[in-house]
Amino acid sequence: MEPAPHDARPTCAIATLGCKVNQYESQAIRELMAAAGYRMVPVGQRADVTIVNTCAVTQVAARKSRQRLYEAMRANPSGRLVATGCLVESDEAHVLASRALLVPRRFAVRLPEILRTGRIPDAPASIFDLRISTFAGHARAFLKIQDGCDSCCAYCIVPRLRGPVVSRPLPDILAEACRLTARGYRELVLTGIHLGAYGRDAPGGPVLEDVVEALLGVTGIERLRLSSIEPNEVSERLLALMGGSGRLCPHLHLPLQSGDDDVLRVMNRRYTATQYLAMVARIKEAVPLVSLTTDILVGFPGESEAAFQRTLAVCRTVGFSRMHVFPFSPRPGTVAANLPGRVPPPVIRRRLHEAEATARGLALTYKRQFVGSVVEPLVENCARGGSEGELSGYTERYLRVVFTGERGLMGRVVRVRATHADYDALRGTLLTS
C-alpha cells in the first residue's frame, strides 16, 4: 500500500473563549485561514499558527484567556501565536505583547496578510467583513447582525472593549442567511453585543424587527432565535412576529440582573422591577408558554439581604425556564469597581447557592408543563454523560431534550414524547411517525 500523500499546507488552530459573538468571529477567521491555504487542526495539536480569540468581560475571563495563550505558547514553541478578541482591546494587552502577535478585532479580516507581512495594515477593515458560510461543529448557526454597546452598565467593561453600536447592512445579513440555509442549517440564532440596539446608529434605516421580518421570508429557515434582548426593547411588533409566525422561537433571554430598584439604579439598568414584570406580563399574554431565560448578578455593591430576596421574588413571579447566576467581582475600568458597600465574599457565595437552588426549582417547574406532550428538538449531539445511543437537542423554547436515537438524526428536527423532567432536561421517547 502506498503511503498517504503528505499535506504540505501550513496548519492553524483556533481557540475561542467567551460569547456567541466570539464563536461567530472565530468561525469567520477559520474560513479566512482555510481560504488562504491553511489546514485547520484541533487546538492542542502542533500547529504552525495558533490563534486565540480572547474574552475580557470579567477578570476570570481575562485570566482564562491569558492562560490559554500561555498553554498555546508552550505546546507550540516554534509556531506563531496570535491573540485577537476583547483582551487585545483592553488595558491588559501589554502583558501579551512579548508572547503573541496582537491583532485588534477590526483587523482580524486581514489576518492572512498580517501573518504574511508581519505588520498591522494602516487602515482597518469593517468588522462585518468577517463572514461565515458554515458553523463547524454546530447544528444551529449563529448569525451576527450587530456589534458594540452604548448602555454603560456600571459593572460592564464591554462598551470600552467593543466600542459603540454598529449595525450590519440588511442585504449582507440576508446573503449570509441564504448561505447558511443552503448548507442545511435549519435554525439561525441572531447574535450581537446589544441586539436590541440594531439600527440605532443609522436613524431611518432598518431596525431589529425589520431584520426579523426579512429573515422570516428566507426559504429554508425553519427556526429563527434571538440570542438576548433587553427587557425594555421588546416591542409589540416583535411580539406579534413571535406570536404569529410559528418560526420565530417563543424564547426570550431577558437579562434581569437584580429585582431591587435601588440596585438597578446604581447598576445603570434602565427599568424598574415593576416595569420588568409588566413587560413579562405583556410577553406571556402575546406568546403562550413562552420560555423566558435571564441573567442574575448577586452581591453587587450595596445589595442588602432584603434586596437579594426581592430579586428572588421577582424570579419566582416570572417563572424563568433558565437562570444564569453570576457572582459580582469588580472589573477594573468599570464604575462598579470603585463603589462602596462591598458584599463580603462568604455572603456572595451563600446568595449564589440560594439563587442557583431557586433557578433549579423554576427550571423544573417550567419543564414539567411539557411532560406527556410531543416536543420537537433540533438534534445537536450525543447527550452529555448519557448512555450509549442517547442524543440531545433543544426545542424552539430552548428546552434541552434527551432521548435514545441514531447518530444519523444529527441536525434534524425530530418528534419526542416527553416522559419526565429534571431541572437540566426533558427526557422522552423518539416518535417514528
Protein backbone atom coordinates (compact mmCIF):
# COMPACT_ATOMS: atom_id res chain seq x y z
CA MET A 1 0.00 0.00 0.00
CA GLU A 2 1.33 3.42 -0.94
CA PRO A 3 1.70 5.94 1.90
CA ALA A 4 -0.85 8.74 2.06
CA PRO A 5 0.38 11.86 0.28
CA HIS A 6 1.91 14.44 2.58
CA ASP A 7 -0.18 17.59 3.06
CA ALA A 8 2.32 20.42 2.85
CA ARG A 9 -0.10 23.18 3.77
CA PRO A 10 0.71 25.19 6.92
CA THR A 11 -1.50 24.33 9.86
CA CYS A 12 -3.66 26.58 12.00
CA ALA A 13 -5.54 26.03 15.27
CA ILE A 14 -8.11 28.44 16.73
CA ALA A 15 -9.07 28.58 20.42
CA THR A 16 -12.17 30.55 21.37
CA LEU A 17 -13.20 32.00 24.71
CA GLY A 18 -16.32 33.94 25.57
CA CYS A 19 -19.64 34.76 24.00
CA LYS A 20 -21.63 33.78 20.93
CA VAL A 21 -20.19 36.74 19.04
CA ASN A 22 -16.67 35.44 19.64
CA GLN A 23 -17.74 32.00 18.46
CA TYR A 24 -19.13 33.54 15.29
CA GLU A 25 -15.96 35.57 14.68
CA SER A 26 -13.75 32.52 15.23
CA GLN A 27 -15.72 30.65 12.57
CA ALA A 28 -15.19 33.57 10.18
CA ILE A 29 -11.45 33.57 10.93
CA ARG A 30 -11.37 29.80 10.42
CA GLU A 31 -12.84 30.23 6.93
CA LEU A 32 -10.43 33.08 6.15
CA MET A 33 -7.43 30.99 7.10
CA ALA A 34 -8.65 27.97 5.16
CA ALA A 35 -9.19 30.14 2.07
CA ALA A 36 -5.61 31.44 2.48
CA GLY A 37 -4.25 27.89 2.24
CA TYR A 38 -4.05 26.80 5.87
CA ARG A 39 -5.13 23.35 7.04
CA MET A 40 -7.18 23.66 10.21
CA VAL A 41 -6.25 21.36 13.11
CA PRO A 42 -7.78 20.94 16.58
CA VAL A 43 -6.48 23.01 19.47
CA GLY A 44 -3.80 21.02 21.28
CA GLN A 45 -2.24 19.62 18.14
CA ARG A 46 1.03 21.04 16.90
CA ALA A 47 0.26 23.96 14.60
CA ASP A 48 2.25 26.47 12.59
CA VAL A 49 -0.15 29.21 13.71
CA THR A 50 -2.32 29.23 16.82
CA ILE A 51 -4.96 31.95 17.11
CA VAL A 52 -6.57 32.64 20.48
CA ASN A 53 -9.79 34.63 20.27
CA THR A 54 -9.84 36.10 23.77
CA CYS A 55 -12.52 37.34 26.17
CA ALA A 56 -12.10 40.03 28.82
CA VAL A 57 -15.65 40.65 30.03
CA THR A 58 -14.62 39.64 33.57
CA GLN A 59 -11.32 39.25 35.34
CA VAL A 60 -11.89 35.50 35.33
CA ALA A 61 -12.39 35.52 31.54
CA ALA A 62 -9.26 37.62 31.06
CA ARG A 63 -7.25 35.24 33.23
CA LYS A 64 -8.52 32.22 31.28
CA SER A 65 -7.60 33.96 28.02
CA ARG A 66 -4.05 34.62 29.23
CA GLN A 67 -3.79 31.04 30.43
CA ARG A 68 -4.90 29.72 27.04
CA LEU A 69 -2.26 31.86 25.34
CA TYR A 70 0.48 30.53 27.64
CA GLU A 71 -0.70 26.96 27.02
CA ALA A 72 -0.57 27.51 23.26
CA MET A 73 2.90 29.00 23.53
CA ARG A 74 4.17 26.00 25.50
CA ALA A 75 2.51 23.49 23.16
CA ASN A 76 3.94 25.14 20.02
CA PRO A 77 7.21 26.83 20.97
CA SER A 78 8.29 27.10 17.33
CA GLY A 79 4.88 28.15 15.98
CA ARG A 80 3.40 31.61 15.65
CA LEU A 81 0.96 32.77 18.29
CA VAL A 82 -1.78 35.32 17.54
CA ALA A 83 -4.07 36.97 20.06
CA THR A 84 -7.26 38.68 18.94
CA GLY A 85 -10.59 39.45 20.61
CA CYS A 86 -11.50 41.62 23.57
CA LEU A 87 -8.39 41.12 25.71
CA VAL A 88 -6.34 42.69 22.93
CA GLU A 89 -8.60 45.77 23.14
CA SER A 90 -8.17 46.07 26.92
CA ASP A 91 -5.66 47.81 29.16
CA GLU A 92 -4.12 44.39 29.80
CA ALA A 93 -2.95 43.89 26.21
CA HIS A 94 0.60 44.95 27.07
CA VAL A 95 1.11 41.77 29.12
CA LEU A 96 0.64 39.73 25.95
CA ALA A 97 2.83 41.75 23.62
CA SER A 98 6.06 39.85 24.24
CA ARG A 99 4.37 36.49 23.74
CA ALA A 100 1.90 36.95 20.89
CA LEU A 101 1.20 38.98 17.79
CA LEU A 102 -1.69 41.23 18.85
CA VAL A 103 -4.37 41.69 16.19
CA PRO A 104 -7.25 44.01 17.11
CA ARG A 105 -10.67 42.74 16.06
CA ARG A 106 -11.07 45.40 13.38
CA PHE A 107 -8.03 43.95 11.62
CA ALA A 108 -8.95 40.27 12.03
CA VAL A 109 -10.27 40.04 8.47
CA ARG A 110 -6.68 40.76 7.34
CA LEU A 111 -5.06 38.02 9.39
CA PRO A 112 -3.57 36.13 6.42
CA GLU A 113 -1.99 39.37 5.18
CA ILE A 114 -0.71 40.23 8.67
CA LEU A 115 0.86 36.78 9.06
CA ARG A 116 2.50 37.14 5.66
CA THR A 117 3.91 40.64 6.21
CA GLY A 118 4.36 40.59 9.99
CA ARG A 119 2.74 44.01 10.46
CA ILE A 120 -0.69 45.52 11.06
CA PRO A 121 -2.02 47.41 8.00
CA ASP A 122 -2.53 51.15 8.16
CA ALA A 123 -6.29 51.04 7.59
CA PRO A 124 -8.70 48.70 9.41
CA ALA A 125 -11.46 46.75 7.69
CA SER A 126 -15.10 46.60 8.70
CA ILE A 127 -15.80 44.06 11.44
CA PHE A 128 -18.64 42.86 9.20
CA ASP A 129 -16.14 41.81 6.55
CA LEU A 130 -15.83 38.75 8.79
CA ARG A 131 -18.44 36.44 7.27
CA ILE A 132 -19.35 32.78 7.51
CA SER A 133 -20.81 30.14 5.22
CA THR A 134 -20.99 27.30 7.73
CA PHE A 135 -20.76 26.83 11.51
CA ALA A 136 -18.43 23.95 12.18
CA GLY A 137 -19.47 21.53 14.89
CA HIS A 138 -22.92 23.04 15.42
CA ALA A 139 -26.43 22.10 14.35
CA ARG A 140 -27.59 25.69 14.81
CA ALA A 141 -25.76 28.56 13.15
CA PHE A 142 -25.10 31.94 14.73
CA LEU A 143 -25.73 34.98 12.55
CA LYS A 144 -24.07 38.18 13.78
CA ILE A 145 -26.04 41.30 12.89
CA GLN A 146 -24.68 43.93 15.27
CA ASP A 147 -21.64 44.92 17.33
CA GLY A 148 -20.90 47.37 20.13
CA CYS A 149 -22.89 48.78 23.04
CA ASP A 150 -23.69 52.27 24.34
CA SER A 151 -25.51 51.29 27.54
CA CYS A 152 -22.62 51.63 30.01
CA CYS A 153 -23.98 49.45 32.81
CA ALA A 154 -21.93 50.08 35.94
CA TYR A 155 -20.50 46.56 36.15
CA CYS A 156 -19.73 46.09 32.45
CA ILE A 157 -16.48 46.71 30.54
CA VAL A 158 -17.91 45.68 27.15
CA PRO A 159 -18.56 49.21 25.75
CA ARG A 160 -14.86 50.01 26.26
CA LEU A 161 -13.80 46.79 24.56
CA ARG A 162 -16.31 46.63 21.71
CA GLY A 163 -16.99 50.31 21.07
CA PRO A 164 -20.26 51.97 20.04
CA VAL A 165 -23.22 50.33 18.33
CA VAL A 166 -22.61 49.33 14.71
CA SER A 167 -25.29 47.59 12.65
CA ARG A 168 -24.67 45.18 9.80
CA PRO A 169 -26.33 46.08 6.48
CA LEU A 170 -29.54 44.12 5.95
CA PRO A 171 -28.54 42.81 2.46
CA ASP A 172 -25.38 41.29 4.00
CA ILE A 173 -27.46 39.63 6.72
CA LEU A 174 -29.85 38.11 4.17
CA ALA A 175 -26.99 36.90 1.96
CA GLU A 176 -25.37 35.13 4.89
CA ALA A 177 -28.67 33.59 5.95
CA CYS A 178 -29.05 32.17 2.45
CA ARG A 179 -25.51 30.74 2.54
CA LEU A 180 -26.20 29.05 5.87
CA THR A 181 -29.56 27.59 4.90
CA ALA A 182 -28.01 26.32 1.67
CA ARG A 183 -25.60 24.36 3.87
CA GLY A 184 -28.55 22.76 5.67
CA TYR A 185 -28.83 24.84 8.84
CA ARG A 186 -32.45 24.79 9.95
CA GLU A 187 -32.10 27.20 12.87
CA LEU A 188 -30.34 30.55 12.88
CA VAL A 189 -29.56 32.44 16.09
CA LEU A 190 -29.30 36.22 15.76
CA THR A 191 -26.36 37.43 17.81
CA GLY A 192 -24.83 40.76 18.68
CA ILE A 193 -23.36 42.61 21.63
CA HIS A 194 -26.56 44.65 22.12
CA LEU A 195 -29.06 43.05 19.77
CA GLY A 196 -31.96 45.38 20.52
CA ALA A 197 -29.83 48.39 19.54
CA TYR A 198 -29.69 47.23 15.92
CA GLY A 199 -30.25 50.24 13.65
CA ARG A 200 -29.65 52.83 16.36
CA ASP A 201 -26.52 54.03 14.55
CA ALA A 202 -28.46 54.72 11.33
CA PRO A 203 -31.71 56.58 12.11
CA GLY A 204 -34.37 56.00 9.47
CA GLY A 205 -32.87 52.65 8.47
CA PRO A 206 -33.99 49.13 9.35
CA VAL A 207 -34.42 48.13 12.99
CA LEU A 208 -34.35 44.70 14.63
CA GLU A 209 -37.97 43.96 13.76
CA ASP A 210 -37.23 44.66 10.08
CA VAL A 211 -34.33 42.19 10.19
CA VAL A 212 -36.52 39.53 11.81
CA GLU A 213 -39.35 40.06 9.33
CA ALA A 214 -36.97 39.89 6.37
CA LEU A 215 -35.32 36.71 7.64
CA LEU A 216 -38.68 35.04 8.18
CA GLY A 217 -39.11 35.46 4.43
CA VAL A 218 -35.96 33.45 3.66
CA THR A 219 -36.78 29.98 2.37
CA GLY A 220 -35.13 27.26 4.43
CA ILE A 221 -35.16 28.97 7.82
CA GLU A 222 -37.32 26.72 9.97
CA ARG A 223 -36.42 28.46 13.23
CA LEU A 224 -35.14 31.93 13.97
CA ARG A 225 -33.99 32.69 17.52
CA LEU A 226 -32.92 35.87 19.30
CA SER A 227 -29.86 35.35 21.48
CA SER A 228 -30.64 38.11 24.03
CA ILE A 229 -32.60 41.32 24.23
CA GLU A 230 -33.01 43.99 26.88
CA PRO A 231 -36.42 43.93 28.60
CA ASN A 232 -37.26 47.50 27.60
CA GLU A 233 -36.54 46.75 23.93
CA VAL A 234 -39.23 44.11 23.36
CA SER A 235 -41.73 45.86 21.09
CA GLU A 236 -45.33 44.99 20.30
CA ARG A 237 -44.27 44.36 16.71
CA LEU A 238 -41.64 41.86 17.82
CA LEU A 239 -44.20 40.06 19.99
CA ALA A 240 -46.63 39.97 17.08
CA LEU A 241 -43.97 38.34 14.91
CA MET A 242 -43.20 35.82 17.64
CA GLY A 243 -46.81 35.03 18.35
CA GLY A 244 -47.86 34.78 14.74
CA SER A 245 -45.02 33.43 12.63
CA GLY A 246 -44.60 29.94 14.08
CA ARG A 247 -40.90 30.20 13.17
CA LEU A 248 -39.61 32.94 15.46
CA CYS A 249 -38.81 30.87 18.53
CA PRO A 250 -41.04 31.55 21.58
CA HIS A 251 -37.97 32.11 23.74
CA LEU A 252 -36.55 35.39 25.02
CA HIS A 253 -33.43 35.91 27.07
CA LEU A 254 -34.23 39.00 29.15
CA PRO A 255 -31.36 40.00 31.49
CA LEU A 256 -32.79 40.98 34.89
CA GLN A 257 -29.55 41.33 36.92
CA SER A 258 -31.45 42.42 40.04
CA GLY A 259 -35.03 42.66 41.23
CA ASP A 260 -34.33 45.59 43.54
CA ASP A 261 -34.94 49.11 42.23
CA ASP A 262 -32.11 50.73 44.17
CA VAL A 263 -29.60 48.17 42.93
CA LEU A 264 -30.90 48.50 39.36
CA ARG A 265 -30.48 52.29 39.55
CA VAL A 266 -26.85 52.04 40.71
CA MET A 267 -26.22 49.40 38.05
CA ASN A 268 -27.48 51.94 35.47
CA ARG A 269 -30.11 49.50 34.26
CA ARG A 270 -32.95 51.33 32.53
CA TYR A 271 -36.02 49.76 34.10
CA THR A 272 -37.52 49.06 37.50
CA ALA A 273 -38.64 45.69 38.83
CA THR A 274 -42.26 46.75 38.29
CA GLN A 275 -41.55 47.67 34.67
CA TYR A 276 -39.77 44.37 34.12
CA LEU A 277 -42.73 42.40 35.47
CA ALA A 278 -45.14 44.44 33.36
CA MET A 279 -43.12 43.58 30.25
CA VAL A 280 -43.16 39.89 31.21
CA ALA A 281 -46.94 40.03 31.59
CA ARG A 282 -47.25 41.52 28.07
CA ILE A 283 -44.97 38.83 26.64
CA LYS A 284 -46.88 35.99 28.28
CA GLU A 285 -50.18 37.36 27.02
CA ALA A 286 -48.86 37.59 23.45
CA VAL A 287 -46.89 34.32 23.37
CA PRO A 288 -48.43 31.34 25.23
CA LEU A 289 -45.97 29.16 27.16
CA VAL A 290 -43.11 31.47 26.22
CA SER A 291 -39.74 30.44 27.61
CA LEU A 292 -38.01 33.25 29.49
CA THR A 293 -34.36 32.99 30.49
CA THR A 294 -32.25 35.55 32.30
CA ASP A 295 -29.00 36.68 33.92
CA ILE A 296 -28.78 37.42 37.64
CA LEU A 297 -25.83 39.21 39.26
CA VAL A 298 -25.60 38.57 43.00
CA GLY A 299 -23.53 40.51 45.52
CA PHE A 300 -23.44 43.83 43.64
CA PRO A 301 -22.07 46.60 45.91
CA GLY A 302 -24.79 47.82 48.24
CA GLU A 303 -27.02 44.76 47.74
CA SER A 304 -28.68 44.13 51.10
CA GLU A 305 -30.24 40.85 52.13
CA ALA A 306 -33.67 42.37 51.54
CA ALA A 307 -32.62 43.48 48.05
CA PHE A 308 -31.38 39.98 47.27
CA GLN A 309 -34.63 38.44 48.48
CA ARG A 310 -36.58 40.88 46.27
CA THR A 311 -34.56 39.58 43.32
CA LEU A 312 -35.54 36.00 44.12
CA ALA A 313 -39.17 37.07 44.50
CA VAL A 314 -39.14 38.63 41.01
CA CYS A 315 -37.59 35.44 39.62
CA ARG A 316 -40.33 33.32 41.16
CA THR A 317 -43.02 35.65 39.84
CA VAL A 318 -41.63 35.44 36.30
CA GLY A 319 -41.05 31.67 36.43
CA PHE A 320 -37.86 31.61 34.38
CA SER A 321 -37.09 28.45 32.47
CA ARG A 322 -33.37 29.04 32.96
CA MET A 323 -31.26 31.45 35.01
CA HIS A 324 -27.58 32.21 34.57
CA VAL A 325 -26.41 33.30 38.02
CA PHE A 326 -23.11 35.15 38.41
CA PRO A 327 -21.28 36.41 41.50
CA PHE A 328 -20.16 40.03 41.38
CA SER A 329 -16.44 40.58 41.05
CA PRO A 330 -15.00 44.06 40.50
CA ARG A 331 -13.84 44.63 36.93
CA PRO A 332 -11.13 47.31 36.70
CA GLY A 333 -12.24 50.09 34.41
CA THR A 334 -15.91 49.94 35.41
CA VAL A 335 -17.88 52.24 37.70
CA ALA A 336 -18.78 49.32 39.96
CA ALA A 337 -15.13 48.56 40.68
CA ASN A 338 -14.95 51.66 42.87
CA LEU A 339 -18.38 51.58 44.51
CA PRO A 340 -18.68 51.40 48.31
CA GLY A 341 -20.71 48.77 50.12
CA ARG A 342 -18.81 45.67 49.01
CA VAL A 343 -20.64 42.48 49.95
CA PRO A 344 -18.35 40.03 51.82
CA PRO A 345 -17.31 37.00 49.70
CA PRO A 346 -18.91 34.44 52.07
CA VAL A 347 -22.24 36.27 51.75
CA ILE A 348 -21.90 36.34 47.96
CA ARG A 349 -21.23 32.60 47.90
CA ARG A 350 -24.27 31.89 50.07
CA ARG A 351 -26.51 34.06 47.92
CA LEU A 352 -25.12 32.45 44.78
CA HIS A 353 -26.04 28.99 46.07
CA GLU A 354 -29.50 30.17 47.08
CA ALA A 355 -30.12 31.75 43.69
CA GLU A 356 -28.90 28.61 41.91
CA ALA A 357 -31.27 26.49 44.00
CA THR A 358 -34.12 28.81 43.02
CA ALA A 359 -33.07 28.53 39.38
CA ARG A 360 -33.16 24.73 39.51
CA GLY A 361 -36.61 24.71 41.05
CA LEU A 362 -38.03 27.15 38.50
CA ALA A 363 -36.46 25.24 35.59
CA LEU A 364 -38.06 22.01 36.80
CA THR A 365 -41.46 23.65 37.25
CA TYR A 366 -41.38 25.08 33.73
CA LYS A 367 -40.31 21.80 32.11
CA ARG A 368 -42.98 19.76 33.88
CA GLN A 369 -45.62 21.58 31.83
CA PHE A 370 -44.43 19.61 28.80
CA VAL A 371 -44.37 16.10 30.30
CA GLY A 372 -46.77 13.96 28.27
CA SER A 373 -46.57 16.33 25.30
CA VAL A 374 -44.77 15.92 21.99
CA VAL A 375 -41.77 18.24 21.74
CA GLU A 376 -39.51 18.88 18.75
CA PRO A 377 -35.79 19.21 19.48
CA LEU A 378 -33.18 20.03 16.86
CA VAL A 379 -30.70 17.19 17.41
CA GLU A 380 -27.28 18.62 18.19
CA ASN A 381 -25.08 16.00 19.82
CA CYS A 382 -24.77 12.94 21.97
CA ALA A 383 -26.15 13.54 25.43
CA ARG A 384 -23.55 14.75 27.93
CA GLY A 385 -22.91 11.96 30.40
CA GLY A 386 -25.67 9.93 28.79
CA SER A 387 -25.89 6.26 27.95
CA GLU A 388 -24.74 4.82 24.64
CA GLY A 389 -27.11 5.90 21.88
CA GLU A 390 -28.52 8.88 23.77
CA LEU A 391 -28.92 12.10 21.80
CA SER A 392 -29.87 15.60 22.85
CA GLY A 393 -31.12 18.77 21.30
CA TYR A 394 -33.09 21.91 22.02
CA THR A 395 -36.71 22.71 21.29
CA GLU A 396 -37.95 26.02 19.96
CA ARG A 397 -38.42 27.07 23.62
CA TYR A 398 -34.77 26.24 24.32
CA LEU A 399 -35.57 23.20 26.40
CA ARG A 400 -32.94 20.50 26.29
CA VAL A 401 -34.37 17.09 25.40
CA VAL A 402 -32.56 13.77 25.89
CA PHE A 403 -33.71 10.60 24.12
CA THR A 404 -32.39 7.42 22.52
CA GLY A 405 -31.77 7.54 18.79
CA GLU A 406 -29.35 7.01 15.91
CA ARG A 407 -26.49 9.43 15.23
CA GLY A 408 -27.88 9.91 11.72
CA LEU A 409 -30.52 12.17 13.25
CA MET A 410 -27.93 14.89 13.95
CA GLY A 411 -29.05 18.22 12.52
CA ARG A 412 -32.68 17.17 12.12
CA VAL A 413 -35.79 18.28 13.97
CA VAL A 414 -37.44 15.20 15.47
CA ARG A 415 -40.56 14.47 17.49
CA VAL A 416 -40.14 13.18 21.04
CA ARG A 417 -42.82 12.40 23.60
CA ALA A 418 -41.60 13.84 26.89
CA THR A 419 -41.98 11.30 29.68
CA HIS A 420 -40.35 13.05 32.62
CA ALA A 421 -38.35 16.14 33.53
CA ASP A 422 -35.45 17.15 35.69
CA TYR A 423 -34.07 20.66 36.05
CA ASP A 424 -31.46 20.05 33.34
CA ALA A 425 -33.58 18.41 30.62
CA LEU A 426 -36.75 16.81 29.43
CA ARG A 427 -36.38 13.10 28.76
CA GLY A 428 -38.55 11.14 26.40
CA THR A 429 -39.13 8.63 23.64
CA LEU A 430 -38.43 9.26 19.97
CA LEU A 431 -41.57 9.03 17.78
CA THR A 432 -41.08 7.49 14.37
CA SER A 433 -44.27 8.74 12.77
